[in-house]
Amino acid sequence: MLKRILLLLILAGCASTVAVPENLKPTASESLKRVFAAKGVQIYECRNGSWAFVAPEADLYDARGHVIGRHYAGPTWEAAGDGSRVVGTVKSRADAPVAGAIPWLLLDAKSAGGKGDFSDVTSVQRVATSGGVAPAGGCEGSEKQLRVPYTADYYFFHAR
């Protein structure tokens, strides 16, 4: 029970209104559909002596702290209830205002199957990031993969 309460407090802090840079705003023909907090890892592999990004792996939470989906390679967001999913392509990015946090993004999104919560999503913003950055410098050959914890808010937009 204590773990659930702590998770809710953490996620409540994540899903807040943030000042988004102009280049990360959706088009005027889109409106906000849903906001989900994410908690997971950014996965990196040691390649030729440096860390290379591989994929995200995160759970998506609603405002009550319930897992409603997941985020993984593609990048893909998939709804747990109906299996609908979208795949994104980075449209623009901005440095996170917090050191050690992965960049904020605006992604074009396209349905990748299944009718449901995510099937009409046209763009996704990743903002309010914390963590997720690979360590500076090189990597040792003995450590092949690194999983760096991160949190973010994902704003899902659809056509008006």
Protein backbone atom coordinates (compact mmCIF):
# COMPACT_ATOMS: atom_id res chain seq x y z
CA MET A 1 0.00 0.00 0.00
CA LEU A 2 2.83 2.41 0.87
CA LYS A 3 4.49 1.78 -2.52
CA ARG A 4 1.21 2.65 -4.30
CA ILE A 5 0.82 5.89 -2.31
CA LEU A 6 4.42 6.91 -3.09
CA LEU A 7 3.92 6.11 -6.78
CA LEU A 8 0.75 8.24 -6.86
CA LEU A 9 2.61 11.16 -5.26
CA ILE A 10 5.45 10.86 -7.77
CA LEU A 11 3.07 10.66 -10.72
CA ALA A 12 0.94 13.54 -9.46
CA GLY A 13 4.05 15.70 -9.61
CA CYS A 14 4.77 14.55 -13.17
CA ALA A 15 1.42 15.28 -14.79
CA SER A 16 1.56 19.03 -14.38
CA THR A 17 1.27 21.97 -16.73
CA VAL A 18 4.64 22.89 -18.18
CA ALA A 19 5.92 25.74 -20.34
CA VAL A 20 6.49 24.06 -23.69
CA PRO A 21 8.89 25.60 -26.23
CA GLU A 22 7.21 26.93 -29.37
CA ASN A 23 8.83 24.32 -31.66
CA LEU A 24 7.20 21.51 -29.60
CA LYS A 25 3.63 22.75 -29.85
CA PRO A 26 1.14 20.76 -31.95
CA THR A 27 -0.58 22.28 -34.96
CA ALA A 28 -3.63 24.52 -34.59
CA SER A 29 -5.76 21.71 -36.05
CA GLU A 30 -4.98 19.42 -33.10
CA SER A 31 -6.36 19.37 -29.57
CA LEU A 32 -5.25 17.66 -26.39
CA LYS A 33 -6.78 14.23 -25.92
CA ARG A 34 -5.00 12.73 -22.88
CA VAL A 35 -1.95 13.13 -20.66
CA PHE A 36 -0.12 10.17 -19.17
CA ALA A 37 2.82 10.01 -16.81
CA ALA A 38 5.52 7.49 -17.71
CA LYS A 39 7.98 5.71 -15.48
CA GLY A 40 10.56 3.36 -16.92
CA VAL A 41 14.02 3.15 -18.42
CA GLN A 42 15.97 4.31 -21.44
CA ILE A 43 18.03 1.37 -22.72
CA TYR A 44 21.56 1.88 -24.06
CA GLU A 45 24.12 -0.55 -25.50
CA CYS A 46 27.88 -0.27 -25.48
CA ARG A 47 28.94 0.03 -29.13
CA ASN A 48 32.49 0.83 -30.16
CA GLY A 49 33.34 2.24 -26.73
CA SER A 50 30.34 4.58 -26.34
CA TRP A 51 26.72 4.31 -25.23
CA ALA A 52 24.17 4.09 -28.07
CA PHE A 53 20.44 4.51 -27.47
CA VAL A 54 18.41 1.36 -28.16
CA ALA A 55 14.83 1.87 -26.92
CA PRO A 56 12.58 3.11 -24.15
CA GLU A 57 10.68 0.77 -21.87
CA ALA A 58 8.05 2.39 -19.65
CA ASP A 59 4.60 2.01 -18.15
CA LEU A 60 2.02 4.75 -18.78
CA TYR A 61 -0.13 5.86 -15.85
CA ASP A 62 -3.42 7.71 -15.69
CA ALA A 63 -4.14 10.42 -13.09
CA ARG A 64 -5.22 7.78 -10.54
CA GLY A 65 -1.94 5.88 -10.83
CA HIS A 66 -3.36 2.97 -12.83
CA VAL A 67 -1.23 1.48 -15.59
CA ILE A 68 -3.10 2.17 -18.83
CA GLY A 69 -0.46 1.21 -21.36
CA ARG A 70 3.19 0.95 -22.24
CA HIS A 71 5.84 2.71 -24.25
CA TYR A 72 8.54 0.81 -26.12
CA ALA A 73 10.75 0.68 -29.22
CA GLY A 74 9.47 2.34 -32.35
CA PRO A 75 8.82 4.61 -30.49
CA THR A 76 5.45 3.00 -29.81
CA TRP A 77 2.67 3.70 -27.29
CA GLU A 78 0.16 0.90 -26.72
CA ALA A 79 -3.09 1.01 -24.73
CA ALA A 80 -3.45 -1.89 -22.30
CA GLY A 81 -7.24 -2.06 -22.48
CA ASP A 82 -7.85 -2.25 -26.22
CA GLY A 83 -4.42 -2.88 -27.78
CA SER A 84 -4.57 0.23 -29.97
CA ARG A 85 -1.17 1.72 -30.62
CA VAL A 86 0.64 4.52 -32.38
CA VAL A 87 4.18 4.80 -33.68
CA GLY A 88 5.95 8.15 -33.58
CA THR A 89 8.51 9.95 -35.70
CA VAL A 90 10.46 12.81 -34.15
CA LYS A 91 9.36 16.12 -35.63
CA SER A 92 11.29 18.45 -33.30
CA ARG A 93 13.21 18.44 -30.04
CA ALA A 94 14.37 20.77 -27.29
CA ASP A 95 16.88 20.32 -24.51
CA ALA A 96 15.27 19.52 -21.18
CA PRO A 97 15.45 22.45 -18.75
CA VAL A 98 16.85 20.06 -16.10
CA ALA A 99 20.40 18.70 -16.31
CA GLY A 100 20.62 14.94 -16.81
CA ALA A 101 17.15 14.67 -18.35
CA ILE A 102 16.41 13.34 -21.83
CA PRO A 103 15.25 15.91 -24.40
CA TRP A 104 11.68 17.06 -24.80
CA LEU A 105 10.12 15.97 -28.10
CA LEU A 106 7.24 16.52 -30.48
CA LEU A 107 6.48 13.42 -32.53
CA ASP A 108 4.15 12.85 -35.46
CA ALA A 109 2.05 9.77 -34.65
CA LYS A 110 0.37 7.22 -36.87
CA SER A 111 -1.95 4.39 -35.87
CA ALA A 112 -0.19 1.03 -35.97
CA GLY A 113 -3.23 -1.16 -35.57
CA GLY A 114 -6.32 -1.66 -33.52
CA LYS A 115 -9.23 0.70 -32.96
CA GLY A 116 -9.32 2.32 -29.55
CA ASP A 117 -7.88 4.97 -27.25
CA PHE A 118 -4.70 5.59 -29.28
CA SER A 119 -5.94 4.98 -32.83
CA ASP A 120 -6.81 8.63 -33.56
CA VAL A 121 -3.67 10.17 -32.00
CA THR A 122 -1.90 12.48 -34.47
CA SER A 123 1.01 13.74 -32.36
CA VAL A 124 2.70 13.11 -29.03
CA GLN A 125 4.71 15.50 -26.84
CA ARG A 126 7.29 14.23 -24.37
CA VAL A 127 7.89 16.87 -21.68
CA ALA A 128 8.74 17.20 -17.98
CA THR A 129 11.48 14.61 -18.33
CA SER A 130 13.70 13.47 -15.51
CA GLY A 131 16.71 11.19 -15.86
CA GLY A 132 17.22 8.78 -18.75
CA VAL A 133 20.55 10.15 -20.02
CA ALA A 134 23.44 7.72 -20.57
CA PRO A 135 26.57 8.39 -18.54
CA ALA A 136 29.08 10.81 -20.06
CA GLY A 137 32.21 9.29 -21.48
CA GLY A 138 32.85 5.88 -22.89
CA CYS A 139 31.76 2.45 -21.80
CA GLU A 140 33.59 -0.73 -20.98
CA GLY A 141 33.21 -3.78 -23.18
CA SER A 142 32.23 -5.90 -20.17
CA GLU A 143 29.04 -3.90 -19.58
CA LYS A 144 27.02 -4.42 -22.76
CA GLN A 145 23.68 -2.86 -21.78
CA LEU A 146 22.58 -0.09 -19.45
CA ARG A 147 19.04 0.69 -18.25
CA VAL A 148 18.76 4.31 -17.05
CA PRO A 149 15.59 5.20 -15.06
CA TYR A 150 13.46 8.09 -16.36
CA THR A 151 10.09 9.73 -15.97
CA ALA A 152 8.20 11.91 -18.43
CA ASP A 153 4.78 13.24 -19.26
CA TYR A 154 3.32 12.25 -22.61
CA TYR A 155 0.66 14.55 -24.09
CA PHE A 156 -1.45 12.85 -26.77
CA PHE A 157 -3.15 15.04 -29.39
CA HIS A 158 -5.78 14.27 -32.02
CA ALA A 159 -7.43 16.18 -34.88
CA ARG A 160 -10.10 18.70 -33.85
